[in-house]
Amino acid sequence: MSSRGVVDLRNKKSSGFLSLPLPPAHNPRSGKKVRLRTRRLRTRVLIGLAIAVAIGGIGYGVSLVSYLPQFNVQTVSIVGANSLSPALVERYADTILYDGTFSPLSRDNIFLYPRALLERDIVSFFPRVKSAKVARESLLATAVVVTIEERKPYAAWCLPTGQAGGASGDCYLMDSTGFIFARAATSTPGITSTYRFSGGIIGNPTGQTYLSGHLAGIEALLDRLGQTGYEPELVRAVSEQDFVISLGRGYDLKASFGVTADSLLRNLQLVLGSDALRGTADRLEYIDLRFGNRVYYKLKGEEQATTVPQS
């Protein structure tokens, strides 16, 4: 039985009743929690903004202080330059300190200036400079002192005949490590070696190293040859494996890298003392010791080399 004003919610296909969800009851505690979280979030945002503004203000203040004249490099002085112009090194150092770009912190600030970069770039830019040390005399000093060590000329490296890049005979200064650092004048004082070197370099020789890894052995050989009266004058690298030494006696000695000075000198003396070459030193063009037990020689005017007979 149903009465007026009452809705029958029974499912016609089932014997049960449909259940409708009831609206959530209002909870005063839940509203308070939401408002509390909102206030906390707002407080955190305000604190974060305040911290960011404070950091920005401190950074701006530090930037301004870093540009104050009393905290910036005022002068650069060069010590140790002899052949190199101190003014030229000073101007180059200035271009590193004042490169024309703006940075938040002054690049030439006495506490922040690029000391290591100065030392490295001066050596890289000036081949004549072997080392550079940059320092200030005191904690608040605004003067920077660059102490450089110039390379000492050991020998002359000269362009071989026909090589591009300069006239034949143009020579350059080389230090004891084989590093070529400057063009040589007609007469350059300070060269400690009487030997000249050639070959083994492609292109502009300045800044390249001659016979890297082999120069020490060549120097030992030249000293031994000089002590025994062979008077070496010119060393010419002809490949990565071979070199030629022009002797004061008028002929060349061909050899390979890696052979010890004692071994090469012993073989040379044995060859010159052989029956085939005895008394022909004034007519020799070259002796070739590059092939182990096989020794070749060539006399001036002959077209082909000859093998020294083995005893």
Protein backbone atom coordinates (compact mmCIF):
# COMPACT_ATOMS: atom_id res chain seq x y z
CA MET A 1 0.00 0.00 0.00
CA SER A 2 1.23 3.53 -0.83
CA SER A 3 0.03 6.81 0.49
CA ARG A 4 -0.06 10.26 -1.12
CA GLY A 5 3.14 12.25 -0.80
CA VAL A 6 5.38 9.17 -0.40
CA VAL A 7 7.74 8.11 -3.24
CA ASP A 8 8.20 4.44 -3.72
CA LEU A 9 11.96 3.90 -4.27
CA ARG A 10 11.76 0.18 -4.60
CA ASN A 11 13.37 -1.32 -7.65
CA LYS A 12 10.78 -2.97 -9.76
CA LYS A 13 13.27 -5.64 -10.84
CA SER A 14 14.43 -6.51 -7.36
CA SER A 15 12.99 -6.94 -4.05
CA GLY A 16 15.27 -4.46 -2.31
CA PHE A 17 15.27 -0.70 -2.07
CA LEU A 18 17.62 1.81 -3.80
CA SER A 19 19.94 3.60 -1.38
CA LEU A 20 20.75 7.29 -2.08
CA PRO A 21 23.94 8.86 -0.64
CA LEU A 22 23.34 11.32 2.09
CA PRO A 23 24.97 14.78 1.80
CA PRO A 24 28.08 15.17 4.02
CA ALA A 25 27.41 16.68 7.31
CA HIS A 26 29.10 20.00 8.01
CA ASN A 27 32.33 19.53 10.11
CA PRO A 28 33.59 22.71 11.82
CA ARG A 29 37.01 21.13 12.54
CA SER A 30 37.67 20.44 8.84
CA GLY A 31 37.21 24.12 7.93
CA LYS A 32 39.65 25.19 10.60
CA LYS A 33 42.31 22.82 9.26
CA VAL A 34 41.98 24.23 5.74
CA ARG A 35 42.32 27.78 6.97
CA LEU A 36 45.34 26.83 9.08
CA ARG A 37 47.10 25.21 6.12
CA THR A 38 46.40 28.26 3.97
CA ARG A 39 47.89 30.58 6.59
CA ARG A 40 50.99 28.40 6.92
CA LEU A 41 51.48 28.31 3.16
CA ARG A 42 51.12 32.09 2.95
CA THR A 43 53.65 32.52 5.74
CA ARG A 44 56.17 30.25 4.03
CA VAL A 45 55.79 32.12 0.74
CA LEU A 46 56.34 35.45 2.49
CA ILE A 47 59.41 34.11 4.32
CA GLY A 48 60.81 32.74 1.03
CA LEU A 49 60.29 36.09 -0.69
CA ALA A 50 61.95 37.90 2.19
CA ILE A 51 64.96 35.56 2.04
CA ALA A 52 65.23 36.00 -1.74
CA VAL A 53 65.10 39.79 -1.41
CA ALA A 54 67.72 39.67 1.35
CA ILE A 55 70.02 37.45 -0.73
CA GLY A 56 69.55 39.72 -3.74
CA GLY A 57 70.33 42.77 -1.65
CA ILE A 58 73.46 41.17 -0.20
CA GLY A 59 74.59 40.08 -3.67
CA TYR A 60 74.05 43.57 -5.05
CA GLY A 61 76.00 45.05 -2.18
CA VAL A 62 78.88 42.58 -2.65
CA SER A 63 78.93 43.40 -6.38
CA LEU A 64 79.17 47.12 -5.66
CA VAL A 65 81.96 46.58 -3.14
CA SER A 66 83.90 44.37 -5.58
CA TYR A 67 84.05 47.31 -8.03
CA LEU A 68 85.38 49.82 -5.52
CA PRO A 69 88.79 51.21 -6.64
CA GLN A 70 90.48 50.29 -3.36
CA PHE A 71 89.69 46.62 -4.05
CA ASN A 72 90.70 46.56 -7.71
CA VAL A 73 94.05 46.02 -9.43
CA GLN A 74 95.52 49.42 -10.22
CA THR A 75 98.91 48.57 -11.72
CA VAL A 76 100.63 45.59 -13.34
CA SER A 77 104.43 45.46 -13.34
CA ILE A 78 106.68 43.00 -15.15
CA VAL A 79 109.87 41.59 -13.63
CA GLY A 80 112.45 39.42 -15.40
CA ALA A 81 111.87 40.55 -18.99
CA ASN A 82 115.15 41.10 -20.81
CA SER A 83 114.77 40.33 -24.51
CA LEU A 84 110.99 40.68 -24.27
CA SER A 85 109.41 44.13 -23.92
CA PRO A 86 107.93 44.55 -20.40
CA ALA A 87 105.37 47.02 -21.77
CA LEU A 88 104.15 44.41 -24.26
CA VAL A 89 103.61 41.83 -21.51
CA GLU A 90 101.90 44.44 -19.35
CA ARG A 91 99.45 45.37 -22.10
CA TYR A 92 98.63 41.73 -22.69
CA ALA A 93 98.00 41.19 -18.96
CA ASP A 94 95.66 44.19 -19.01
CA THR A 95 93.59 42.63 -21.78
CA ILE A 96 93.04 39.58 -19.58
CA LEU A 97 92.06 41.65 -16.54
CA TYR A 98 89.88 44.11 -18.47
CA ASP A 99 88.29 42.03 -21.19
CA GLY A 100 85.39 44.44 -21.74
CA THR A 101 82.63 42.19 -20.39
CA PHE A 102 80.49 42.90 -17.33
CA SER A 103 80.28 40.35 -14.56
CA PRO A 104 78.45 40.47 -11.21
CA LEU A 105 81.84 40.53 -9.48
CA SER A 106 84.70 42.67 -10.72
CA ARG A 107 87.16 40.62 -12.80
CA ASP A 108 90.12 42.69 -11.63
CA ASN A 109 89.21 42.57 -7.94
CA ILE A 110 92.38 41.97 -5.90
CA PHE A 111 90.81 38.93 -4.25
CA LEU A 112 89.14 37.52 -7.37
CA TYR A 113 91.42 38.36 -10.33
CA PRO A 114 92.31 35.33 -12.53
CA ARG A 115 95.87 34.70 -11.32
CA ALA A 116 96.17 31.17 -12.73
CA LEU A 117 94.74 32.30 -16.07
CA LEU A 118 97.28 35.14 -16.25
CA GLU A 119 100.18 32.78 -15.61
CA ARG A 120 99.00 30.22 -18.15
CA ASP A 121 98.05 32.65 -20.94
CA ILE A 122 101.24 34.72 -20.72
CA VAL A 123 103.33 31.57 -21.24
CA SER A 124 101.03 30.44 -24.06
CA PHE A 125 101.00 33.80 -25.85
CA PHE A 126 104.72 34.57 -25.60
CA PRO A 127 106.87 31.61 -26.77
CA ARG A 128 109.96 33.31 -25.32
CA VAL A 129 108.49 33.05 -21.80
CA LYS A 130 109.30 29.79 -20.06
CA SER A 131 107.29 30.46 -16.87
CA ALA A 132 105.25 33.26 -15.28
CA LYS A 133 104.40 33.83 -11.62
CA VAL A 134 101.74 36.37 -10.60
CA ALA A 135 101.51 37.73 -7.04
CA ARG A 136 100.74 40.75 -4.85
CA GLU A 137 103.06 42.06 -2.16
CA SER A 138 100.42 42.20 0.61
CA LEU A 139 96.81 41.30 1.38
CA LEU A 140 95.35 44.65 0.31
CA ALA A 141 97.95 45.61 -2.28
CA THR A 142 96.44 46.82 -5.56
CA ALA A 143 99.65 46.28 -7.55
CA VAL A 144 100.16 42.95 -9.32
CA VAL A 145 103.72 41.79 -10.04
CA VAL A 146 104.30 39.35 -12.90
CA THR A 147 107.69 37.61 -12.64
CA ILE A 148 108.66 35.88 -15.86
CA GLU A 149 111.52 33.56 -16.76
CA GLU A 150 112.70 33.81 -20.34
CA ARG A 151 113.97 30.85 -22.29
CA LYS A 152 117.74 30.67 -22.74
CA PRO A 153 118.96 30.19 -26.32
CA TYR A 154 120.84 26.92 -26.57
CA ALA A 155 121.23 26.48 -30.32
CA ALA A 156 119.98 27.71 -33.68
CA TRP A 157 117.41 25.86 -35.78
CA CYS A 158 117.65 26.90 -39.45
CA LEU A 159 115.32 26.47 -42.39
CA PRO A 160 116.63 23.88 -44.85
CA THR A 161 117.05 24.73 -48.48
CA GLY A 162 113.75 24.88 -50.34
CA GLN A 163 111.43 24.84 -47.32
CA ALA A 164 108.48 27.20 -47.52
CA GLY A 165 107.93 29.80 -44.84
CA GLY A 166 111.15 31.75 -45.15
CA ALA A 167 114.40 32.10 -47.01
CA SER A 168 116.89 29.29 -46.85
CA GLY A 169 119.23 29.94 -43.98
CA ASP A 170 116.71 31.79 -41.81
CA CYS A 171 117.43 30.70 -38.26
CA TYR A 172 115.47 30.58 -35.00
CA LEU A 173 116.47 30.29 -31.37
CA MET A 174 115.99 26.94 -29.64
CA ASP A 175 116.34 26.18 -25.92
CA SER A 176 117.93 23.06 -24.42
CA THR A 177 114.61 21.17 -24.54
CA GLY A 178 114.30 21.71 -28.30
CA PHE A 179 111.56 24.36 -28.00
CA ILE A 180 111.86 26.97 -30.76
CA PHE A 181 110.81 30.37 -29.44
CA ALA A 182 112.06 33.28 -31.57
CA ARG A 183 113.71 34.27 -34.83
CA ALA A 184 117.45 34.61 -34.46
CA ALA A 185 119.23 37.83 -35.32
CA THR A 186 122.32 37.85 -37.51
CA SER A 187 124.42 37.43 -34.40
CA THR A 188 122.54 36.38 -31.29
CA PRO A 189 124.48 36.50 -28.02
CA GLY A 190 123.96 33.85 -25.37
CA ILE A 191 123.80 30.74 -27.59
CA THR A 192 125.72 28.09 -25.66
CA SER A 193 125.92 25.45 -28.40
CA THR A 194 128.12 25.58 -31.48
CA TYR A 195 125.86 23.11 -33.29
CA ARG A 196 123.08 24.02 -35.70
CA PHE A 197 119.92 22.04 -36.30
CA SER A 198 117.53 21.71 -39.22
CA GLY A 199 114.58 19.70 -40.53
CA GLY A 200 111.93 17.90 -38.50
CA ILE A 201 109.59 20.93 -38.42
CA ILE A 202 106.63 21.67 -40.72
CA GLY A 203 105.23 25.18 -41.00
CA ASN A 204 106.09 28.05 -38.69
CA PRO A 205 108.80 26.73 -36.34
CA THR A 206 108.06 29.18 -33.52
CA GLY A 207 106.28 27.35 -30.71
CA GLN A 208 107.23 23.87 -31.93
CA THR A 209 109.58 21.38 -30.28
CA TYR A 210 112.44 19.94 -32.28
CA LEU A 211 113.20 16.20 -32.00
CA SER A 212 110.93 15.70 -29.01
CA GLY A 213 112.17 12.66 -27.10
CA HIS A 214 115.38 12.36 -29.15
CA LEU A 215 117.27 15.62 -28.53
CA ALA A 216 119.05 14.42 -25.38
CA GLY A 217 120.46 11.39 -27.21
CA ILE A 218 121.53 13.54 -30.16
CA GLU A 219 123.32 15.96 -27.81
CA ALA A 220 125.21 13.07 -26.19
CA LEU A 221 126.25 11.82 -29.62
CA LEU A 222 127.42 15.29 -30.71
CA ASP A 223 129.50 15.65 -27.55
CA ARG A 224 131.18 12.27 -28.12
CA LEU A 225 131.87 13.08 -31.76
CA GLY A 226 133.39 16.41 -30.77
CA GLN A 227 135.58 14.79 -28.11
CA THR A 228 137.03 12.36 -30.67
CA GLY A 229 137.78 15.07 -33.24
CA TYR A 230 134.97 14.57 -35.75
CA GLU A 231 133.68 18.17 -35.29
CA PRO A 232 129.90 17.90 -35.82
CA GLU A 233 128.43 21.09 -37.26
CA LEU A 234 124.85 20.52 -38.40
CA VAL A 235 122.15 18.01 -37.43
CA ARG A 236 119.35 17.56 -39.98
CA ALA A 237 116.29 15.44 -39.23
CA VAL A 238 115.18 13.74 -42.46
CA SER A 239 112.31 11.61 -41.11
CA GLU A 240 110.79 10.38 -37.88
CA GLN A 241 113.43 7.62 -37.76
CA ASP A 242 116.56 9.05 -39.37
CA PHE A 243 118.90 12.04 -39.15
CA VAL A 244 122.10 13.27 -40.78
CA ILE A 245 125.10 14.89 -39.08
CA SER A 246 127.38 17.08 -41.20
CA LEU A 247 130.93 16.76 -39.90
CA GLY A 248 133.71 19.31 -40.11
CA ARG A 249 135.79 16.72 -41.98
CA GLY A 250 133.64 17.32 -45.05
CA TYR A 251 131.26 14.36 -45.14
CA ASP A 252 127.89 13.41 -43.63
CA LEU A 253 127.03 10.70 -41.16
CA LYS A 254 123.60 9.08 -41.61
CA ALA A 255 122.09 7.34 -38.60
CA SER A 256 118.80 6.40 -36.93
CA PHE A 257 117.29 7.57 -33.68
CA GLY A 258 117.57 5.19 -30.76
CA VAL A 259 121.16 4.09 -31.41
CA THR A 260 123.43 4.89 -28.47
CA ALA A 261 126.30 7.32 -28.91
CA ASP A 262 128.89 4.68 -27.95
CA SER A 263 127.54 2.14 -30.42
CA LEU A 264 127.39 4.58 -33.32
CA LEU A 265 130.85 5.98 -32.64
CA ARG A 266 132.33 2.48 -32.42
CA ASN A 267 130.77 1.48 -35.74
CA LEU A 268 132.00 4.68 -37.37
CA GLN A 269 135.57 4.08 -36.25
CA LEU A 270 135.46 0.48 -37.43
CA VAL A 271 134.20 1.52 -40.87
CA LEU A 272 136.76 4.30 -41.29
CA GLY A 273 139.52 1.86 -40.30
CA SER A 274 138.46 -0.77 -42.83
CA ASP A 275 140.54 -1.50 -45.93
CA ALA A 276 137.82 -0.13 -48.21
CA LEU A 277 137.83 3.35 -46.66
CA ARG A 278 141.37 3.72 -45.41
CA GLY A 279 142.85 6.90 -46.89
CA THR A 280 139.59 8.07 -48.54
CA ALA A 281 138.29 10.41 -45.83
CA ASP A 282 138.92 13.51 -47.96
CA ARG A 283 136.82 12.05 -50.80
CA LEU A 284 133.88 10.79 -48.75
CA GLU A 285 130.41 12.24 -49.34
CA TYR A 286 128.64 10.26 -46.62
CA ILE A 287 128.73 7.13 -44.46
CA ASP A 288 125.37 5.41 -43.84
CA LEU A 289 125.06 3.50 -40.55
CA ARG A 290 121.28 3.07 -40.55
CA PHE A 291 121.17 -0.62 -41.56
CA GLY A 292 122.81 -2.51 -38.75
CA ASN A 293 125.63 -4.74 -40.02
CA ARG A 294 125.38 -3.34 -43.57
CA VAL A 295 127.30 -0.10 -43.92
CA TYR A 296 127.14 2.05 -47.06
CA TYR A 297 129.39 4.85 -48.16
CA LYS A 298 129.53 7.14 -51.14
CA LEU A 299 132.54 8.95 -52.56
CA LYS A 300 132.22 12.38 -54.12
CA GLY A 301 131.59 12.14 -57.85
CA GLU A 302 130.24 8.61 -57.71
CA GLU A 303 126.64 7.90 -58.65
CA GLN A 304 125.92 4.99 -56.31
CA ALA A 305 126.70 4.06 -52.73
CA THR A 306 128.99 1.13 -51.99
CA THR A 307 128.71 -1.47 -49.24
CA VAL A 308 131.66 -1.88 -46.91
CA PRO A 309 132.82 -5.50 -47.16
CA GLN A 310 132.32 -7.38 -43.92
CA SER A 311 135.42 -8.92 -42.40
